[in-house]
Amino acid sequence: MNTSEIILNKVAPIFNKQGYVGTSLTDITNATGLTKGAIYCNFDNKEDLALKAFQLNINLAITPLFKLITTQQGSINKLHTITNYQRNYYDLVKDRGGCPMLRAGVDTKFINPLLFKAAQNLSQKFTVGLTNIINEGIVNNEIQQNTDPVKYAKIILSLIEGSSLLAFTHNDPTYIDNAMDFIDSTIIASIRK
């Protein structure tokens, strides 16, 4: 592992837990045991470090879901794969400060445009992915023809992110479990053929 990777592995959870504003250079140097100069030999500035830390957090928390979906057949199965993954999401990210997309989207909107844009792009990627899954289901006669793919994609993502916010706010993963049960039993059940 090179120095940049070591730094990222140590500071990515800190950025995610404390937020962009809440993470000081002292926090970064204390976590890594490196000087400010050593940090900035590897990263252009705090914004660059935060963006790369966000990408690492995404690679650990959300990219595995995207990869898992590509191994699945059928839209209904893919949607259930998402809800099943989310049921384990709290345990996956609780020690890293929660959902990185949610944290960065809320924390950086007005103070770090590059990091906010990265979170916004990830959210859009998630919405497009869900929309494509639902469209595929319509084409393959798994999902009702009159289903609005974009509307349902946004509802599903809202339930995922909203339940994550509440689960981490209350230290209670049942918010996620209940929302995923609702997606399975009400939303998916109502649009499937």
Protein backbone atom coordinates (compact mmCIF):
# COMPACT_ATOMS: atom_id res chain seq x y z
CA MET A 1 0.00 0.00 0.00
CA ASN A 2 1.42 3.42 -0.91
CA THR A 3 1.33 6.50 1.32
CA SER A 4 -1.76 7.96 -0.37
CA GLU A 5 -3.69 4.72 0.23
CA ILE A 6 -2.59 4.58 3.86
CA ILE A 7 -3.73 8.17 4.39
CA LEU A 8 -7.08 7.51 2.71
CA ASN A 9 -7.73 4.35 4.70
CA LYS A 10 -7.16 6.27 7.94
CA VAL A 11 -9.03 9.48 7.12
CA ALA A 12 -11.98 8.24 5.02
CA PRO A 13 -13.93 7.08 8.09
CA ILE A 14 -13.12 10.35 9.87
CA PHE A 15 -14.48 12.48 7.01
CA ASN A 16 -17.57 10.29 6.90
CA LYS A 17 -18.13 10.46 10.68
CA GLN A 18 -17.25 14.08 11.33
CA GLY A 19 -18.17 15.61 7.99
CA TYR A 20 -16.09 17.83 5.78
CA VAL A 21 -16.27 20.91 8.01
CA GLY A 22 -15.88 18.89 11.21
CA THR A 23 -12.65 17.23 10.06
CA SER A 24 -9.66 19.42 10.80
CA LEU A 25 -6.13 19.16 9.54
CA THR A 26 -5.19 18.21 13.11
CA ASP A 27 -7.64 15.29 12.93
CA ILE A 28 -5.99 14.20 9.70
CA THR A 29 -2.41 14.48 10.98
CA ASN A 30 -3.33 12.77 14.28
CA ALA A 31 -5.00 9.86 12.48
CA THR A 32 -2.15 9.34 10.05
CA GLY A 33 0.82 10.27 12.22
CA LEU A 34 2.05 12.37 9.31
CA THR A 35 2.83 16.06 9.04
CA LYS A 36 0.76 18.56 7.09
CA GLY A 37 3.53 18.63 4.48
CA ALA A 38 3.42 14.85 4.09
CA ILE A 39 -0.35 14.96 3.63
CA TYR A 40 -0.13 17.66 0.99
CA CYS A 41 2.69 15.88 -0.84
CA ASN A 42 0.08 13.23 -1.59
CA PHE A 43 -3.04 15.39 -2.07
CA ASP A 44 -3.52 18.83 -3.63
CA ASN A 45 -5.55 20.18 -0.70
CA LYS A 46 -8.22 19.24 1.82
CA GLU A 47 -10.88 19.20 -0.92
CA ASP A 48 -8.87 16.71 -2.96
CA LEU A 49 -8.34 14.51 0.11
CA ALA A 50 -12.05 14.69 1.01
CA LEU A 51 -13.11 13.77 -2.53
CA LYS A 52 -10.77 10.77 -2.66
CA ALA A 53 -11.88 9.71 0.85
CA PHE A 54 -15.49 9.91 -0.32
CA GLN A 55 -14.65 7.71 -3.32
CA LEU A 56 -13.02 5.16 -1.00
CA ASN A 57 -16.09 5.16 1.25
CA ILE A 58 -18.30 4.60 -1.81
CA ASN A 59 -16.06 1.77 -3.01
CA LEU A 60 -16.47 0.05 0.35
CA ALA A 61 -20.18 0.71 0.94
CA ILE A 62 -22.05 1.10 -2.34
CA THR A 63 -19.93 -0.26 -5.20
CA PRO A 64 -20.35 -3.86 -3.93
CA LEU A 65 -24.12 -3.45 -4.37
CA PHE A 66 -23.71 -2.23 -7.94
CA LYS A 67 -21.46 -5.22 -8.69
CA LEU A 68 -23.87 -7.64 -7.03
CA ILE A 69 -26.78 -6.38 -9.13
CA THR A 70 -24.87 -7.09 -12.35
CA THR A 71 -24.66 -10.77 -11.37
CA GLN A 72 -28.44 -11.09 -10.97
CA GLN A 73 -31.03 -12.07 -13.58
CA GLY A 74 -34.47 -10.48 -13.82
CA SER A 75 -35.71 -7.12 -12.61
CA ILE A 76 -37.70 -8.37 -9.64
CA ASN A 77 -34.71 -10.37 -8.46
CA LYS A 78 -32.47 -7.29 -8.87
CA LEU A 79 -34.87 -5.15 -6.84
CA HIS A 80 -34.94 -7.77 -4.07
CA THR A 81 -31.14 -7.94 -4.22
CA ILE A 82 -31.07 -4.21 -3.45
CA THR A 83 -33.43 -4.49 -0.49
CA ASN A 84 -31.55 -7.51 0.87
CA TYR A 85 -28.24 -5.64 0.59
CA GLN A 86 -29.74 -2.65 2.40
CA ARG A 87 -30.86 -4.86 5.28
CA ASN A 88 -27.17 -5.44 6.04
CA TYR A 89 -26.12 -1.87 5.20
CA TYR A 90 -26.35 -0.49 8.73
CA ASP A 91 -23.84 -3.03 10.05
CA LEU A 92 -21.63 -2.50 7.00
CA VAL A 93 -21.24 1.27 7.47
CA LYS A 94 -22.05 2.02 11.12
CA ASP A 95 -18.40 2.09 12.19
CA ARG A 96 -17.53 4.29 9.21
CA GLY A 97 -20.06 7.01 10.08
CA GLY A 98 -23.08 5.95 8.04
CA CYS A 99 -24.04 6.25 4.40
CA PRO A 100 -21.31 8.20 2.55
CA MET A 101 -23.68 9.44 -0.17
CA LEU A 102 -26.08 10.82 2.42
CA ARG A 103 -23.32 12.30 4.59
CA ALA A 104 -21.55 14.04 1.71
CA GLY A 105 -24.78 15.25 0.11
CA VAL A 106 -25.95 16.93 3.30
CA ASP A 107 -22.58 18.06 4.63
CA THR A 108 -21.02 19.65 1.55
CA LYS A 109 -23.76 21.32 -0.51
CA PHE A 110 -22.70 24.87 0.28
CA ILE A 111 -19.04 24.43 1.18
CA ASN A 112 -17.39 21.90 -1.12
CA PRO A 113 -18.95 21.95 -4.60
CA LEU A 114 -16.74 19.15 -5.98
CA LEU A 115 -17.60 16.74 -3.18
CA PHE A 116 -21.28 17.71 -3.33
CA LYS A 117 -21.28 17.10 -7.09
CA ALA A 118 -19.72 13.65 -6.54
CA ALA A 119 -22.51 12.78 -4.07
CA GLN A 120 -25.13 14.18 -6.43
CA ASN A 121 -23.70 12.17 -9.34
CA LEU A 122 -23.77 9.00 -7.26
CA SER A 123 -27.39 9.63 -6.32
CA GLN A 124 -28.20 10.17 -9.99
CA LYS A 125 -26.37 6.96 -10.91
CA PHE A 126 -28.45 5.08 -8.34
CA THR A 127 -31.68 6.61 -9.69
CA VAL A 128 -30.74 5.80 -13.29
CA GLY A 129 -29.80 2.26 -12.30
CA LEU A 130 -33.14 1.71 -10.57
CA THR A 131 -34.96 3.26 -13.54
CA ASN A 132 -33.14 0.91 -15.92
CA ILE A 133 -34.00 -2.12 -13.78
CA ILE A 134 -37.68 -1.17 -13.80
CA ASN A 135 -37.62 -0.43 -17.55
CA GLU A 136 -35.99 -3.82 -18.13
CA GLY A 137 -38.78 -5.41 -16.11
CA ILE A 138 -41.42 -3.72 -18.23
CA VAL A 139 -39.73 -4.87 -21.45
CA ASN A 140 -39.35 -8.43 -20.13
CA ASN A 141 -42.95 -8.57 -18.93
CA GLU A 142 -42.00 -8.83 -15.24
CA ILE A 143 -43.33 -5.39 -14.33
CA GLN A 144 -46.65 -3.82 -15.29
CA GLN A 145 -46.59 -1.72 -18.46
CA ASN A 146 -48.21 1.32 -16.82
CA THR A 147 -45.42 1.62 -14.20
CA ASP A 148 -43.57 4.95 -14.23
CA PRO A 149 -39.91 3.83 -13.89
CA VAL A 150 -38.49 7.22 -12.86
CA LYS A 151 -41.18 7.80 -10.24
CA TYR A 152 -40.69 4.38 -8.66
CA ALA A 153 -36.90 4.67 -8.81
CA LYS A 154 -37.08 7.95 -6.90
CA ILE A 155 -39.48 6.51 -4.33
CA ILE A 156 -37.27 3.46 -3.76
CA LEU A 157 -34.12 5.58 -3.42
CA SER A 158 -35.93 7.98 -1.08
CA LEU A 159 -36.95 5.08 1.15
CA ILE A 160 -33.40 3.71 1.12
CA GLU A 161 -31.72 7.01 1.97
CA GLY A 162 -34.45 8.20 4.35
CA SER A 163 -34.36 4.97 6.30
CA SER A 164 -30.56 5.17 6.46
CA LEU A 165 -30.74 8.69 7.85
CA LEU A 166 -33.21 7.63 10.54
CA ALA A 167 -31.34 4.42 11.36
CA PHE A 168 -28.13 6.35 12.01
CA THR A 169 -29.92 9.18 13.79
CA HIS A 170 -31.53 6.76 16.23
CA ASN A 171 -28.90 3.97 16.18
CA ASP A 172 -31.72 1.66 15.15
CA PRO A 173 -31.42 -0.48 12.01
CA THR A 174 -35.12 -1.40 12.14
CA TYR A 175 -35.80 1.82 10.21
CA ILE A 176 -33.95 0.27 7.28
CA ASP A 177 -35.48 -3.19 7.79
CA ASN A 178 -39.00 -1.78 7.88
CA ALA A 179 -38.45 0.37 4.80
CA MET A 180 -37.00 -2.57 2.86
CA ASP A 181 -39.97 -4.73 3.93
CA PHE A 182 -42.26 -1.97 2.64
CA ILE A 183 -40.42 -1.81 -0.70
CA ASP A 184 -40.69 -5.61 -1.04
CA SER A 185 -44.26 -6.10 0.15
CA THR A 186 -45.89 -2.94 -1.16
CA ILE A 187 -43.91 -1.30 -3.95
CA ILE A 188 -42.41 -4.31 -5.73
CA ALA A 189 -45.58 -6.34 -5.13
CA SER A 190 -47.73 -3.57 -6.65
CA ILE A 191 -45.70 -3.18 -9.87
CA ARG A 192 -44.84 -6.78 -10.63
CA LYS A 193 -46.97 -8.75 -13.08
